[in-house]
C-alpha atoms as a PDB file:
ATOM      1  CA  MET A   1      -0.077   0.037   0.030  1.00  0.00           C
ATOM      2  CA  ALA A   2       2.921   2.429   0.891  1.00  0.00           C
ATOM      3  CA  VAL A   3       4.288   2.014  -2.918  1.00  0.00           C
ATOM      4  CA  PHE A   4       0.663   2.748  -4.322  1.00  0.00           C
ATOM      5  CA  LYS A   5       0.341   5.905  -2.011  1.00  0.00           C
ATOM      6  CA  LEU A   6       3.845   7.123  -3.169  1.00  0.00           C
ATOM      7  CA  ILE A   7       2.812   6.612  -6.770  1.00  0.00           C
ATOM      8  CA  LYS A   8      -0.514   8.548  -6.188  1.00  0.00           C
ATOM      9  CA  GLU A   9       1.524  11.197  -4.707  1.00  0.00           C
ATOM     10  CA  GLU A  10       4.071  11.208  -7.469  1.00  0.00           C
ATOM     11  CA  ILE A  11       1.293  11.868 -10.192  1.00  0.00           C
ATOM     12  CA  ASN A  12      -0.363  14.568  -8.143  1.00  0.00           C
ATOM     13  CA  LEU A  13       2.858  16.741  -7.626  1.00  0.00           C
ATOM     14  CA  VAL A  14       3.881  16.475 -11.176  1.00  0.00           C
ATOM     15  CA  PHE A  15       0.420  17.523 -12.372  1.00  0.00           C
ATOM     16  CA  GLU A  16       0.539  20.515 -10.033  1.00  0.00           C
ATOM     17  CA  ARG A  17       4.320  21.481 -10.979  1.00  0.00           C
ATOM     18  CA  ASP A  18       4.173  21.043 -14.629  1.00  0.00           C
ATOM     19  CA  PRO A  19       2.342  23.765 -16.647  1.00  0.00           C
ATOM     20  CA  ALA A  20       2.099  21.457 -19.639  1.00  0.00           C
ATOM     21  CA  ALA A  21       0.225  18.693 -17.909  1.00  0.00           C
ATOM     22  CA  ARG A  22      -3.394  18.748 -18.953  1.00  0.00           C
ATOM     23  CA  SER A  23      -4.718  15.846 -17.075  1.00  0.00           C
ATOM     24  CA  LYS A  24      -3.491  13.215 -14.407  1.00  0.00           C
ATOM     25  CA  ALA A  25      -4.162  10.556 -17.173  1.00  0.00           C
ATOM     26  CA  GLN A  26      -1.663  12.427 -19.449  1.00  0.00           C
ATOM     27  CA  VAL A  27       0.832  12.498 -16.699  1.00  0.00           C
ATOM     28  CA  PHE A  28       0.369   8.727 -15.809  1.00  0.00           C
ATOM     29  CA  PHE A  29       0.299   7.245 -19.282  1.00  0.00           C
ATOM     30  CA  LEU A  30       2.571   9.481 -21.197  1.00  0.00           C
ATOM     31  CA  TYR A  31       5.263  11.193 -18.892  1.00  0.00           C
ATOM     32  CA  PRO A  32       8.376   8.923 -19.139  1.00  0.00           C
ATOM     33  CA  GLY A  33       9.943  10.650 -15.917  1.00  0.00           C
ATOM     34  CA  VAL A  34       6.665   9.624 -13.994  1.00  0.00           C
ATOM     35  CA  LYS A  35       6.803   5.944 -15.676  1.00  0.00           C
ATOM     36  CA  ALA A  36      10.511   5.525 -14.611  1.00  0.00           C
ATOM     37  CA  ILE A  37       9.688   6.637 -10.887  1.00  0.00           C
ATOM     38  CA  ILE A  38       6.727   4.444 -10.687  1.00  0.00           C
ATOM     39  CA  ASN A  39       8.766   1.303 -12.079  1.00  0.00           C
ATOM     40  CA  TYR A  40      11.642   2.318  -9.886  1.00  0.00           C
ATOM     41  CA  ARG A  41       9.457   2.090  -6.629  1.00  0.00           C
ATOM     42  CA  ILE A  42       8.394  -1.394  -7.846  1.00  0.00           C
ATOM     43  CA  ALA A  43      12.065  -2.341  -8.433  1.00  0.00           C
ATOM     44  CA  HIS A  44      13.129  -0.901  -5.371  1.00  0.00           C
ATOM     45  CA  TRP A  45      10.539  -2.879  -3.387  1.00  0.00           C
ATOM     46  CA  LEU A  46      11.647  -6.009  -5.044  1.00  0.00           C
ATOM     47  CA  HIS A  47      15.304  -5.150  -4.367  1.00  0.00           C
ATOM     48  CA  MET A  48      14.530  -4.596  -0.431  1.00  0.00           C
ATOM     49  CA  HIS A  49      12.823  -7.932  -0.498  1.00  0.00           C
ATOM     50  CA  LYS A  50      15.777  -9.675  -1.860  1.00  0.00           C
ATOM     51  CA  HIS A  51      14.120 -10.330  -5.405  1.00  0.00           C
ATOM     52  CA  TYR A  52      17.308  -9.259  -7.074  1.00  0.00           C
ATOM     53  CA  PHE A  53      16.626 -10.777 -10.567  1.00  0.00           C
ATOM     54  CA  LEU A  54      13.192  -9.347 -10.752  1.00  0.00           C
ATOM     55  CA  ALA A  55      14.238  -5.866  -9.431  1.00  0.00           C
ATOM     56  CA  ASP A  56      17.023  -5.724 -12.145  1.00  0.00           C
ATOM     57  CA  TRP A  57      14.505  -6.791 -14.784  1.00  0.00           C
ATOM     58  CA  VAL A  58      12.106  -3.966 -14.106  1.00  0.00           C
ATOM     59  CA  SER A  59      15.013  -1.643 -14.067  1.00  0.00           C
ATOM     60  CA  LYS A  60      16.347  -2.674 -17.567  1.00  0.00           C
ATOM     61  CA  HIS A  61      12.797  -2.874 -18.900  1.00  0.00           C
ATOM     62  CA  THR A  62      12.393   0.759 -17.674  1.00  0.00           C
ATOM     63  CA  ARG A  63      15.570   1.887 -19.285  1.00  0.00           C
ATOM     64  CA  LYS A  64      14.427   0.467 -22.626  1.00  0.00           C
ATOM     65  CA  LYS A  65      11.071   1.965 -22.647  1.00  0.00           C
ATOM     66  CA  THR A  66      11.903   5.410 -21.120  1.00  0.00           C
ATOM     67  CA  GLY A  67      15.596   6.080 -21.575  1.00  0.00           C
ATOM     68  CA  ILE A  68      16.002   6.661 -17.840  1.00  0.00           C
ATOM     69  CA  GLU A  69      18.144   4.309 -15.782  1.00  0.00           C
ATOM     70  CA  ILE A  70      17.620   4.232 -12.044  1.00  0.00           C
ATOM     71  CA  HIS A  71      19.383   1.447 -10.042  1.00  0.00           C
ATOM     72  CA  PRO A  72      16.724  -0.591  -7.760  1.00  0.00           C
ATOM     73  CA  ALA A  73      18.985   0.011  -4.661  1.00  0.00           C
ATOM     74  CA  ALA A  74      19.077   3.870  -4.897  1.00  0.00           C
ATOM     75  CA  GLN A  75      17.009   5.765  -2.554  1.00  0.00           C
ATOM     76  CA  ILE A  76      14.686   8.560  -3.883  1.00  0.00           C
ATOM     77  CA  GLY A  77      12.294  10.464  -1.753  1.00  0.00           C
ATOM     78  CA  ARG A  78       8.863  11.880  -2.244  1.00  0.00           C
ATOM     79  CA  GLY A  79       7.847  14.291  -5.028  1.00  0.00           C
ATOM     80  CA  VAL A  80      11.000  13.908  -7.306  1.00  0.00           C
ATOM     81  CA  PHE A  81      10.242  15.135 -10.863  1.00  0.00           C
ATOM     82  CA  ILE A  82      12.093  13.889 -13.588  1.00  0.00           C
ATOM     83  CA  ASP A  83      11.326  16.294 -16.564  1.00  0.00           C
ATOM     84  CA  HIS A  84      11.724  15.029 -20.090  1.00  0.00           C
ATOM     85  CA  GLY A  85      14.261  12.400 -18.627  1.00  0.00           C
ATOM     86  CA  MET A  86      15.975  10.813 -21.596  1.00  0.00           C
ATOM     87  CA  GLY A  87      19.476   9.992 -20.607  1.00  0.00           C
ATOM     88  CA  VAL A  88      19.137  10.351 -16.881  1.00  0.00           C
ATOM     89  CA  VAL A  89      21.206   7.702 -14.814  1.00  0.00           C
ATOM     90  CA  ILE A  90      21.187   7.382 -11.117  1.00  0.00           C
ATOM     91  CA  GLY A  91      23.532   4.953  -9.389  1.00  0.00           C
ATOM     92  CA  GLU A  92      23.280   2.301  -6.962  1.00  0.00           C
ATOM     93  CA  THR A  93      24.339   4.117  -3.845  1.00  0.00           C
ATOM     94  CA  ALA A  94      22.737   7.483  -4.926  1.00  0.00           C
ATOM     95  CA  VAL A  95      20.189   9.212  -2.563  1.00  0.00           C
ATOM     96  CA  VAL A  96      17.819  11.812  -3.887  1.00  0.00           C
ATOM     97  CA  GLY A  97      16.031  13.993  -1.330  1.00  0.00           C
ATOM     98  CA  ASP A  98      12.288  15.145  -1.398  1.00  0.00           C
ATOM     99  CA  ASN A  99      10.784  17.610  -3.927  1.00  0.00           C
ATOM    100  CA  CYS A 100      13.923  17.530  -6.331  1.00  0.00           C
ATOM    101  CA  THR A 101      13.734  18.197 -10.178  1.00  0.00           C
ATOM    102  CA  ILE A 102      15.980  16.402 -12.383  1.00  0.00           C
ATOM    103  CA  TYR A 103      16.226  17.355 -16.043  1.00  0.00           C
ATOM    104  CA  GLN A 104      17.289  15.165 -19.122  1.00  0.00           C
ATOM    105  CA  GLY A 105      20.838  13.890 -19.362  1.00  0.00           C
ATOM    106  CA  VAL A 106      21.643  14.105 -15.746  1.00  0.00           C
ATOM    107  CA  THR A 107      24.017  11.592 -14.110  1.00  0.00           C
ATOM    108  CA  LEU A 108      24.191  10.737 -10.473  1.00  0.00           C
ATOM    109  CA  GLY A 109      27.171   8.624 -10.658  1.00  0.00           C
ATOM    110  CA  GLY A 110      30.700   7.564  -9.536  1.00  0.00           C
ATOM    111  CA  THR A 111      34.236   8.279 -10.373  1.00  0.00           C
ATOM    112  CA  GLY A 112      35.261   4.805 -10.593  1.00  0.00           C
ATOM    113  CA  LYS A 113      37.848   5.339  -7.672  1.00  0.00           C
ATOM    114  CA  ASP A 114      35.412   4.725  -4.716  1.00  0.00           C
ATOM    115  CA  LYS A 115      34.136   1.409  -3.048  1.00  0.00           C
ATOM    116  CA  GLY A 116      31.088   1.202  -0.987  1.00  0.00           C
ATOM    117  CA  LYS A 117      29.328   4.437  -1.041  1.00  0.00           C
ATOM    118  CA  ARG A 118      30.144   5.706  -4.561  1.00  0.00           C
ATOM    119  CA  HIS A 119      27.453   8.086  -5.620  1.00  0.00           C
ATOM    120  CA  PRO A 120      26.117  11.437  -4.589  1.00  0.00           C
ATOM    121  CA  THR A 121      23.597  12.214  -1.862  1.00  0.00           C
ATOM    122  CA  ILE A 122      21.243  14.944  -2.976  1.00  0.00           C
ATOM    123  CA  GLY A 123      19.345  17.060  -0.445  1.00  0.00           C
ATOM    124  CA  ASN A 124      15.670  18.180  -0.449  1.00  0.00           C
ATOM    125  CA  ASN A 125      14.281  20.833  -3.091  1.00  0.00           C
ATOM    126  CA  VAL A 126      17.507  20.427  -5.329  1.00  0.00           C
ATOM    127  CA  THR A 127      17.149  21.402  -9.005  1.00  0.00           C
ATOM    128  CA  ILE A 128      19.660  19.815 -11.414  1.00  0.00           C
ATOM    129  CA  GLY A 129      19.689  21.122 -14.890  1.00  0.00           C
ATOM    130  CA  CYS A 130      19.874  19.192 -17.953  1.00  0.00           C
ATOM    131  CA  GLY A 131      23.225  17.392 -18.822  1.00  0.00           C
ATOM    132  CA  ALA A 132      24.608  18.053 -15.461  1.00  0.00           C
ATOM    133  CA  LYS A 133      26.900  15.410 -13.972  1.00  0.00           C
ATOM    134  CA  VAL A 134      27.253  14.964 -10.216  1.00  0.00           C
ATOM    135  CA  LEU A 135      30.182  12.320  -9.656  1.00  0.00           C
ATOM    136  CA  GLY A 136      31.325  10.858  -6.370  1.00  0.00           C
ATOM    137  CA  PRO A 137      30.162  10.086  -2.745  1.00  0.00           C
ATOM    138  CA  PHE A 138      29.505  13.779  -1.577  1.00  0.00           C
ATOM    139  CA  SER A 139      26.334  15.661  -0.703  1.00  0.00           C
ATOM    140  CA  VAL A 140      24.702  18.505  -2.491  1.00  0.00           C
ATOM    141  CA  GLY A 141      22.881  20.519   0.194  1.00  0.00           C
ATOM    142  CA  ASP A 142      19.187  21.425   0.487  1.00  0.00           C
ATOM    143  CA  ASN A 143      17.760  23.896  -1.824  1.00  0.00           C
ATOM    144  CA  SER A 144      20.697  24.179  -4.172  1.00  0.00           C
ATOM    145  CA  LYS A 145      20.696  24.498  -7.965  1.00  0.00           C
ATOM    146  CA  ILE A 146      22.991  22.862 -10.328  1.00  0.00           C
ATOM    147  CA  ALA A 147      23.170  24.580 -13.818  1.00  0.00           C
ATOM    148  CA  ALA A 148      22.752  22.847 -17.095  1.00  0.00           C
ATOM    149  CA  ASN A 149      26.086  21.013 -18.161  1.00  0.00           C
ATOM    150  CA  ALA A 150      27.859  21.599 -14.837  1.00  0.00           C
ATOM    151  CA  VAL A 151      30.170  18.844 -13.758  1.00  0.00           C
ATOM    152  CA  VAL A 152      29.954  18.616  -9.841  1.00  0.00           C
ATOM    153  CA  LEU A 153      33.097  16.980  -8.267  1.00  0.00           C
ATOM    154  CA  ASN A 154      32.942  18.331  -4.656  1.00  0.00           C
ATOM    155  CA  GLU A 155      30.295  18.889  -1.930  1.00  0.00           C
ATOM    156  CA  ILE A 156      27.841  21.545  -2.348  1.00  0.00           C
ATOM    157  CA  PRO A 157      26.536  23.442   0.753  1.00  0.00           C
ATOM    158  CA  PRO A 158      22.661  24.062   1.038  1.00  0.00           C
ATOM    159  CA  ASN A 159      21.192  27.112  -0.566  1.00  0.00           C
ATOM    160  CA  SER A 160      23.823  27.244  -3.281  1.00  0.00           C
ATOM    161  CA  THR A 161      23.994  27.692  -6.993  1.00  0.00           C
ATOM    162  CA  CYS A 162      26.910  26.162  -9.018  1.00  0.00           C
ATOM    163  CA  VAL A 163      27.865  26.237 -12.542  1.00  0.00           C
ATOM    164  CA  GLY A 164      30.749  25.319 -14.795  1.00  0.00           C
ATOM    165  CA  VAL A 165      33.149  22.406 -15.538  1.00  0.00           C
ATOM    166  CA  PRO A 166      34.367  21.725 -13.020  1.00  0.00           C
ATOM    167  CA  ALA A 167      31.484  23.360 -11.022  1.00  0.00           C
ATOM    168  CA  HIS A 168      32.022  26.158  -8.559  1.00  0.00           C
ATOM    169  CA  ILE A 169      29.629  28.057  -6.411  1.00  0.00           C
ATOM    170  CA  VAL A 170      28.415  31.378  -7.736  1.00  0.00           C
ATOM    171  CA  LYS A 171      25.533  32.192  -5.172  1.00  0.00           C
ATOM    172  CA  ARG A 172      25.019  31.237  -1.589  1.00  0.00           C
ATOM    173  CA  ASP A 173      22.052  32.172   0.787  1.00  0.00           C
ATOM    174  CA  ASN A 174      20.950  34.647  -2.081  1.00  0.00           C
ATOM    175  CA  VAL A 175      24.448  36.245  -1.768  1.00  0.00           C
ATOM    176  CA  LYS A 176      26.606  36.395  -5.113  1.00  0.00           C
ATOM    177  CA  VAL A 177      30.009  34.844  -4.382  1.00  0.00           C
ATOM    178  CA  ALA A 178      31.369  35.205  -7.945  1.00  0.00           C
ATOM    179  CA  SER A 179      30.685  37.616 -11.087  1.00  0.00           C
ATOM    180  CA  ALA A 180      28.149  35.412 -12.911  1.00  0.00           C
ATOM    181  CA  ALA A 181      24.800  35.355 -13.809  1.00  0.00           C
ATOM    182  CA  VAL A 182      23.149  32.854 -11.225  1.00  0.00           C
ATOM    183  CA  ASP A 183      19.530  32.265 -12.081  1.00  0.00           C
ATOM    184  CA  LEU A 184      19.013  28.688 -13.115  1.00  0.00           C
ATOM    185  CA  ASP A 185      16.737  29.174 -16.186  1.00  0.00           C
ATOM    186  CA  GLN A 186      18.590  26.655 -18.515  1.00  0.00           C
ATOM    187  CA  ILE A 187      19.679  29.637 -20.613  1.00  0.00           C
ATOM    188  CA  HIS A 188      21.327  32.646 -18.803  1.00  0.00           C
ATOM    189  CA  ILE A 189      24.331  30.753 -17.361  1.00  0.00           C
ATOM    190  CA  PRO A 190      28.059  31.395 -17.586  1.00  0.00           C
ATOM    191  CA  ASP A 191      29.804  29.701 -20.318  1.00  0.00           C
ATOM    192  CA  PRO A 192      32.617  27.936 -18.569  1.00  0.00           C
ATOM    193  CA  VAL A 193      34.984  27.916 -21.707  1.00  0.00           C
ATOM    194  CA  SER A 194      34.611  31.485 -22.329  1.00  0.00           C
ATOM    195  CA  MET A 195      35.307  32.201 -18.689  1.00  0.00           C
ATOM    196  CA  GLU A 196      38.458  30.118 -18.622  1.00  0.00           C
ATOM    197  CA  LEU A 197      39.734  31.879 -21.966  1.00  0.00           C
ATOM    198  CA  CYS A 198      39.220  35.490 -20.294  1.00  0.00           C
ATOM    199  CA  ARG A 199      41.022  34.163 -17.089  1.00  0.00           C
ATOM    200  CA  MET A 200      43.909  33.059 -19.375  1.00  0.00           C
ATOM    201  CA  ARG A 201      43.869  36.504 -21.477  1.00  0.00           C
ATOM    202  CA  GLY A 202      44.179  38.392 -18.046  1.00  0.00           C
ATOM    203  CA  GLU A 203      47.110  35.953 -16.950  1.00  0.00           C
ATOM    204  CA  ILE A 204      48.837  36.681 -20.366  1.00  0.00           C
ATOM    205  CA  GLU A 205      48.397  40.358 -20.037  1.00  0.00           C
ATOM    206  CA  ARG A 206      49.716  40.299 -16.448  1.00  0.00           C
ATOM    207  CA  LEU A 207      52.932  38.238 -17.611  1.00  0.00           C
ATOM    208  CA  ASN A 208      53.524  40.465 -20.670  1.00  0.00           C
ATOM    209  CA  LYS A 209      53.509  43.400 -18.293  1.00  0.00           C
ATOM    210  CA  GLU A 210      55.784  41.894 -16.002  1.00  0.00           C
ATOM    211  CA  LEU A 211      58.140  40.947 -18.902  1.00  0.00           C
ATOM    212  CA  GLU A 212      58.043  44.571 -20.117  1.00  0.00           C
ATOM    213  CA  GLU A 213      58.955  45.855 -16.760  1.00  0.00           C
ATOM    214  CA  LYS A 214      61.936  43.457 -16.259  1.00  0.00           C
ATOM    215  CA  THR A 215      63.081  44.363 -19.945  1.00  0.00           C
ATOM    216  CA  ASN A 216      62.944  48.224 -19.185  1.00  0.00           C
ATOM    217  CA  GLU A 217      64.989  47.552 -15.870  1.00  0.00           C
ATOM    218  CA  THR A 218      67.703  45.865 -17.631  1.00  0.00           C
ATOM    219  CA  VAL A 219      68.106  48.281 -20.501  1.00  0.00           C
END
C-alpha cells in the first residue's frame, strides 16, 4: 500500500508542478519521468525484499522504454520530478531527497575510484539542470541548484547555485560569491569555456606587463 500511495503522490505533484500537464491521465500514461519513478518504486520494493533478478529486470525494462536508468538500490524521496528524462542515470548508492527536479541527461554517478558509497547524496528541493553530472560520494545541500552541463565533483553546501566545468559556487544564501549570472533558467548561465579564456587572457596580459617591466629595468 505504501508504494501505491507514493505513486499517487507522484502523479498529483507532477500535475501541479508542470504547466504543460493537461490531466492526471496524461501524466500517468505519457510522462516517461513519471513512468520511470513508478517502475523504480516497484523495483526498489523487489530489491529490498531480495528479489534481485526481478528488480533488475524491471529496471532494465524501464531503461529500454523511457531512456531513464535508476538502479533499484538507489534511494529516492517523495515528489521527485524527472522532466523529459532521456539519458538520466542514477547509480546504486545514490540518494535523492524530497521534491527534487531532475532534467534530461543528468548523471548521478561515481568516479570509478570509490568503493562502498560511490554516488552522491542529493538534499531536498534541489534542481539539477539538463546534462549536469554529479560524480562521487559527497552531498549536495538542500535547496541548491546545479546549472545545465555543470560537472560537480565536490560537496555543495545548502542554498547554493553552482555552474561550470568543474562546477564552482556562484551564489549562496542569495548572495553572489562570484561575478556570474546565477539564475538557473537553463539559458542565462556562464559559459565555462569563455570564462576560462578570459582568465587566461588576463594572465597573459599580466605576464606581458611583468616581462616589459623586467626588460625596461635591464636596458
